[in-house]
Protein backbone atom coordinates (compact mmCIF):
# COMPACT_ATOMS: atom_id res chain seq x y z
CA MET A 1 0.00 -0.01 0.01
CA ALA A 2 2.89 2.36 0.86
CA ASP A 3 4.45 1.60 -2.51
CA LEU A 4 1.12 2.35 -4.20
CA SER A 5 0.81 5.65 -2.37
CA ARG A 6 4.32 6.65 -3.42
CA ALA A 7 3.52 5.76 -7.02
CA VAL A 8 0.31 7.80 -6.92
CA ARG A 9 2.16 10.81 -5.46
CA LYS A 10 4.83 10.56 -8.16
CA THR A 11 2.14 10.47 -10.88
CA LEU A 12 0.38 13.47 -9.34
CA ASP A 13 3.69 15.38 -9.06
CA LYS A 14 4.42 14.69 -12.73
CA MET A 15 0.91 15.85 -13.75
CA THR A 16 1.30 19.02 -11.71
CA LEU A 17 4.73 19.77 -13.27
CA LEU A 18 3.31 19.17 -16.75
CA LYS A 19 0.34 21.43 -16.05
CA ARG A 20 2.64 24.19 -14.80
CA SER A 21 4.89 23.84 -17.81
CA ILE A 22 1.99 24.12 -20.19
CA LEU A 23 0.80 27.24 -18.39
CA GLY A 24 4.23 28.75 -18.61
CA ILE A 25 4.53 28.92 -14.79
CA SER A 26 7.63 26.75 -14.56
CA MET A 27 10.78 27.25 -16.58
CA LEU A 28 11.65 24.69 -19.18
CA SER A 29 15.27 23.64 -19.65
CA ALA A 30 16.95 24.10 -22.99
CA LEU A 31 17.56 20.76 -24.67
CA GLY A 32 19.41 20.71 -27.97
CA ASN A 33 17.93 23.47 -30.13
CA MET A 34 14.96 24.24 -27.90
CA PHE A 35 14.32 27.99 -27.83
CA LEU A 36 12.48 30.08 -25.29
CA PRO A 37 10.97 33.54 -25.90
CA LEU A 38 11.82 34.88 -22.44
CA PRO A 39 11.71 38.58 -21.53
CA GLY A 40 13.63 39.35 -18.41
CA ALA A 41 11.70 39.67 -15.18
CA THR A 42 12.41 40.52 -11.58
CA THR A 43 10.59 41.98 -8.59
CA LEU A 44 11.11 45.53 -7.38
CA ALA A 45 11.88 44.21 -3.89
CA ASP A 46 14.74 42.06 -5.21
CA GLU A 47 18.25 43.47 -5.36
CA ASP A 48 19.51 40.78 -7.67
CA VAL A 49 17.86 38.67 -10.39
CA SER A 50 17.24 35.18 -9.17
CA ALA A 51 19.14 32.45 -11.01
CA ASP A 52 16.29 30.06 -10.36
CA LYS A 53 13.95 32.20 -12.45
CA GLY A 54 16.40 32.30 -15.34
CA MET A 55 15.78 36.01 -15.87
CA TYR A 56 18.86 37.68 -17.16
CA PRO A 57 18.47 40.77 -19.31
CA GLN A 58 21.57 41.67 -21.28
CA ALA A 59 23.67 40.00 -23.97
CA SER A 60 26.33 37.98 -22.11
CA SER A 61 28.98 40.53 -22.99
CA THR A 62 29.71 42.84 -20.08
CA ILE A 63 31.10 45.59 -22.31
CA PRO A 64 28.73 48.57 -22.11
CA VAL A 65 27.26 50.02 -25.30
CA TYR A 66 25.62 53.39 -24.85
CA ASP A 67 23.28 53.70 -27.82
CA ASP A 68 20.27 56.01 -27.65
CA ARG A 69 18.62 54.11 -30.55
CA VAL A 70 17.64 51.47 -27.97
CA ALA A 71 15.76 51.55 -24.71
CA ARG A 72 14.72 49.19 -21.96
CA ILE A 73 11.01 48.37 -21.79
CA GLU A 74 9.69 48.06 -18.24
CA LEU A 75 6.26 46.49 -17.85
CA GLN A 76 4.89 46.53 -14.29
CA LYS A 77 2.29 44.14 -12.91
CA PRO A 78 1.47 42.64 -9.47
CA SER A 79 3.72 39.75 -8.62
CA ALA A 80 1.99 36.33 -8.79
CA GLU A 81 3.69 35.40 -5.54
CA ASN A 82 3.08 38.61 -3.60
CA VAL A 83 0.39 41.03 -4.80
CA SER A 84 1.92 43.80 -2.69
CA GLN A 85 5.04 43.71 -4.87
CA GLN A 86 5.40 44.78 -8.49
CA GLU A 87 6.95 42.38 -10.96
CA VAL A 88 8.87 44.12 -13.68
CA ILE A 89 9.02 42.44 -17.08
CA VAL A 90 11.93 43.67 -19.15
CA CYS A 91 12.47 43.73 -22.92
CA THR A 92 14.34 45.91 -25.46
CA ALA A 93 12.90 48.52 -27.82
CA ASN A 94 14.37 50.23 -30.88
CA HIS A 95 13.71 53.76 -32.12
CA LEU A 96 12.43 54.22 -35.67
CA GLY A 97 12.09 58.00 -35.43
CA ASN A 98 9.48 60.50 -34.26
CA GLY A 99 8.53 58.60 -31.16
CA PHE A 100 7.92 55.23 -32.90
CA TRP A 101 9.57 52.19 -31.39
CA LEU A 102 9.85 48.55 -32.60
CA THR A 103 9.96 45.49 -30.32
CA ALA A 104 8.80 41.90 -30.05
CA LYS A 105 5.06 41.32 -29.93
CA HIS A 106 5.31 38.81 -27.07
CA CYS A 107 6.78 41.60 -24.85
CA LEU A 108 3.66 43.75 -25.14
CA ALA A 109 1.01 41.02 -25.43
CA ASP A 110 -0.62 41.90 -22.06
CA VAL A 111 -2.11 45.29 -22.98
CA GLN A 112 -3.47 45.79 -19.48
CA VAL A 113 0.05 46.10 -18.09
CA ARG A 114 1.51 49.61 -17.73
CA GLY A 115 4.66 50.12 -19.76
CA ASP A 116 7.51 52.64 -19.85
CA ILE A 117 10.78 52.88 -21.72
CA LEU A 118 14.06 53.93 -20.07
CA GLN A 119 17.29 54.97 -21.75
CA ALA A 120 20.87 54.82 -20.41
CA ASP A 121 20.94 58.61 -19.87
CA GLY A 122 17.89 58.36 -17.57
CA ASP A 123 15.30 59.62 -20.09
CA ARG A 124 11.94 57.94 -19.55
CA ALA A 125 8.64 57.87 -21.44
CA SER A 126 5.34 56.03 -21.14
CA ILE A 127 3.93 53.72 -23.80
CA THR A 128 0.70 55.22 -25.07
CA LYS A 129 -0.30 53.18 -28.13
CA ARG A 130 0.55 49.68 -29.23
CA TYR A 131 0.22 48.07 -32.66
CA PHE A 132 0.63 44.33 -33.20
CA GLY A 133 1.86 42.49 -36.26
CA GLU A 134 -0.30 39.88 -37.96
CA ARG A 135 -0.82 36.50 -36.44
CA GLY A 136 2.40 34.61 -35.95
CA VAL A 137 4.64 37.61 -36.64
CA ASP A 138 6.49 38.54 -33.43
CA LEU A 139 6.61 42.32 -34.07
CA ALA A 140 4.99 45.24 -32.32
CA VAL A 141 5.23 49.01 -32.83
CA PHE A 142 4.44 51.45 -30.09
CA GLU A 143 4.33 55.19 -29.46
CA THR A 144 5.26 57.09 -26.36
CA ASP A 145 4.14 60.31 -24.70
CA ASP A 146 7.56 61.92 -25.37
CA PRO A 147 8.82 61.49 -28.97
CA THR A 148 11.94 63.58 -28.18
CA ILE A 149 13.79 61.26 -25.81
CA ALA A 150 15.86 59.55 -28.55
CA SER A 151 18.02 61.61 -30.88
CA ARG A 152 19.08 58.77 -33.17
CA LYS A 153 17.09 56.07 -34.93
CA PHE A 154 17.35 52.89 -36.99
CA ASP A 155 16.43 52.77 -40.69
CA LEU A 156 14.04 50.13 -42.02
CA PRO A 157 15.68 47.55 -44.28
CA GLY A 158 15.64 47.81 -48.07
CA GLU A 159 16.99 44.33 -48.94
CA GLY A 160 16.63 40.75 -47.73
CA LEU A 161 19.20 38.68 -45.87
CA ASN A 162 21.65 36.12 -47.20
CA ILE A 163 23.16 33.05 -45.52
CA SER A 164 26.43 33.98 -43.75
CA ASP A 165 25.52 37.66 -43.47
CA GLU A 166 27.23 39.09 -40.40
CA LEU A 167 25.00 41.16 -38.10
CA THR A 168 24.98 42.73 -34.66
CA LEU A 169 22.39 42.12 -31.93
CA ILE A 170 21.92 44.66 -29.14
CA GLY A 171 19.94 44.14 -25.98
CA PHE A 172 19.26 46.52 -23.07
CA ALA A 173 20.11 45.34 -19.60
CA ALA A 174 17.53 45.08 -16.79
CA VAL A 175 19.89 45.09 -13.84
CA HIS A 176 22.55 47.29 -15.46
CA SER A 177 22.27 50.72 -16.92
CA TYR A 178 23.67 49.82 -20.31
CA ALA A 179 23.05 47.74 -23.39
CA SER A 180 25.51 45.18 -24.73
CA GLU A 181 26.06 43.52 -28.10
CA ALA A 182 26.57 40.14 -29.66
CA LYS A 183 28.02 39.44 -33.09
CA VAL A 184 25.96 36.90 -35.07
CA LYS A 185 25.89 35.24 -38.48
CA VAL A 186 22.83 34.16 -40.46
CA ILE A 187 22.58 30.35 -40.76
CA GLU A 188 19.00 29.96 -41.95
CA GLY A 189 16.98 32.27 -44.15
CA VAL A 190 13.55 33.77 -43.55
CA GLN A 191 10.80 31.16 -43.14
CA ASP A 192 8.12 30.09 -40.65
CA ASN A 193 9.44 28.34 -37.53
CA TYR A 194 7.77 26.64 -34.54
CA ILE A 195 9.17 26.72 -31.02
CA LEU A 196 7.30 24.46 -28.62
CA TRP A 197 3.70 25.34 -29.56
CA GLN A 198 4.37 28.89 -30.78
CA GLU A 199 4.49 29.90 -34.41
CA TYR A 200 7.12 32.45 -35.52
CA ARG A 201 6.38 33.57 -39.09
CA ASN A 202 8.99 35.40 -41.21
CA SER A 203 11.77 34.41 -38.85
CA PHE A 204 15.41 33.57 -39.42
CA LYS A 205 18.21 31.95 -37.39
CA THR A 206 21.65 33.17 -36.50
CA VAL A 207 24.57 31.79 -34.58
CA SER A 208 26.88 33.77 -32.23
CA THR A 209 30.37 34.21 -33.70
CA THR A 210 31.92 35.26 -30.37
CA PRO A 211 31.14 34.12 -26.80
CA SER A 212 28.54 36.91 -26.40
CA ARG A 213 24.98 35.65 -26.91
CA THR A 214 21.46 36.49 -25.84
CA CYS A 215 20.03 36.26 -22.29
CA GLY A 216 16.52 36.87 -20.96
CA GLY A 217 15.49 40.48 -21.55
CA ASP A 218 17.02 40.69 -25.00
CA SER A 219 13.61 39.94 -26.54
CA GLY A 220 12.77 42.80 -28.87
CA GLY A 221 16.42 43.74 -29.34
CA ALA A 222 17.56 44.96 -32.72
CA VAL A 223 19.47 42.75 -35.10
CA TYR A 224 21.09 45.23 -37.44
CA VAL A 225 23.75 45.91 -40.05
CA GLY A 226 25.06 49.44 -40.53
CA ASN A 227 22.09 51.53 -39.46
CA GLU A 228 19.40 49.16 -40.82
CA ILE A 229 17.33 47.12 -38.40
CA VAL A 230 16.85 43.81 -40.22
CA GLY A 231 15.40 41.75 -37.38
CA ILE A 232 13.94 41.72 -33.89
CA HIS A 233 15.18 39.13 -31.38
CA SER A 234 12.42 36.64 -30.57
CA ALA A 235 13.91 33.61 -28.81
CA GLY A 236 17.04 31.71 -27.89
CA PRO A 237 18.22 28.82 -25.70
CA LEU A 238 17.57 29.19 -22.03
CA ASN A 239 20.68 30.86 -20.53
CA ARG A 240 20.10 30.95 -16.78
CA GLU A 241 23.56 32.27 -15.87
CA CYS A 242 23.86 34.69 -18.81
CA ALA A 243 26.99 32.80 -19.77
CA GLY A 244 28.79 33.39 -23.03
CA LYS A 245 28.90 30.66 -25.66
CA GLN A 246 30.20 30.89 -29.22
CA GLY A 247 28.04 28.99 -31.68
CA SER A 248 24.77 29.54 -29.81
CA GLU A 249 21.73 29.64 -32.12
CA MET A 250 19.13 32.35 -31.89
CA LEU A 251 15.81 33.12 -33.59
CA HIS A 252 14.82 36.56 -34.86
CA THR A 253 11.78 37.96 -36.70
CA SER A 254 12.58 39.61 -40.04
CA VAL A 255 11.52 43.27 -40.38
CA LEU A 256 11.51 43.54 -44.21
CA PRO A 257 8.24 41.57 -44.79
CA SER A 258 6.45 43.94 -42.35
CA ARG A 259 7.99 47.17 -43.62
CA SER A 260 4.81 48.33 -45.39
CA TRP A 261 2.79 47.67 -42.25
CA ILE A 262 5.18 49.74 -40.13
CA GLU A 263 5.08 52.63 -42.59
CA GLU A 264 1.29 52.50 -42.71
CA ILE A 265 1.12 52.84 -38.91
CA ALA A 266 3.40 55.85 -39.10
CA ARG A 267 1.32 57.38 -41.90
CA MET A 268 -1.98 56.95 -40.05
CA SER A 269 -0.54 58.34 -36.83
CA ALA A 270 0.88 61.37 -38.67
CA GLU A 271 -2.53 62.11 -40.19
CA GLU A 272 -4.13 61.77 -36.77
CA HIS A 273 -1.92 64.55 -35.45
CA GLU A 274 -2.21 66.82 -38.51
CA PRO A 275 -4.99 69.46 -38.85
CA SER A 276 -8.08 68.16 -40.67
CA GLY A 277 -7.44 67.84 -44.38
CA ALA A 278 -3.69 68.39 -44.12
CA GLY A 279 -2.80 64.73 -44.58
CA ILE A 280 -2.88 62.96 -47.91
CA VAL A 281 -4.15 59.38 -47.67
CA GLY A 282 -1.73 56.97 -49.36
CA SER A 283 1.08 59.59 -49.68
CA SER A 284 4.50 57.94 -49.50
CA ASP A 285 5.89 61.29 -48.46
CA SER A 286 3.56 61.27 -45.45
CA MET A 287 4.73 57.82 -44.43
CA ARG A 288 8.41 58.66 -44.75
CA SER A 289 8.21 61.98 -42.98
CA ALA A 290 6.45 60.27 -40.04
CA LEU A 291 9.49 58.03 -39.57
CA GLU A 292 11.96 60.73 -40.56
CA PHE A 293 13.40 58.78 -43.38
C-alpha cells in the first residue's frame, strides 16, 4: 500500500509539473535546439535577479554599449507570488524615429500592463499606443508620450538577408544601466518556424560568432547591419547564468516583410496629429516623414 501511495504521489507530481509547464509557470530547460521567448523579469523588492527564475536581461557581453537608438522596456504588474510587490518584465525597444519604437510582440502582449521605456541617460517615457503585427509575426510597434527622448534612430531595411551575413544584436540590460552587443551570423533564411507550440512567421536563425550571446530580456532587441534594423530578437536557448557561448543559435523575426505595415502605422498616426485635411491618404511622403526617413 505504501508503494502504491508513493507511485500515486509521483504520478500526481508529474501531472502538476506538466500542467505548470503548459501554463508557462515553470521554466523549461533548453535541450538541444529548444528555444524560449523569455523577456527578463524581476521583482522591485529584489536586489539581484534570481538564477532560479532564469531572468537575465543583457547579452552575455559585459562591455557597455551606450546607444540612444535602444531603450529598456519596463512592464509593471502585481507579482504572482506577492500582490503587494510589483513584478517588472523587461524587454528591449528600438527607435524608428519621431517617437515610434519597434519590439517583439510577445513583450507587449498583455495590453493591461503599464509600460515605460528607459534609456541609459535616464530619459523615460510612457507607452501610449501599441500596434501588433499579424498572427504569428512577433513584431509590435508602439508610441510614447515623449517623442523627443531619442536623438538617433534605426532605418528600415531595403533588402533581404543572405546566408552567412554578419549582423549585430543589441539588448538593453535590466539590472545594469547599459546595453550590450553580440556578433551573429545568419545560418537559416527567412521562413516560418515553430518553437514548442508557438508559431514564428517570417523568422530567421543566427549563430553567435563570439562568446557573447542572448540572455533573458534581449527579446525585442535589434538585429542590425550598418544603421538598418533587419530583425527583432524573438527567442534563444535558455541561458540561466547569462553565460557566453560561441556557436549559440538564436531566432529573430525579419523586419522587411512587415516594412509596409510599419510605414502604414506611421502614416496613419501622422494624419491623426495633422490638422483636418492636411494629410494625404496613401502619400508615401507622409509615411516617410512620419518616420523621418
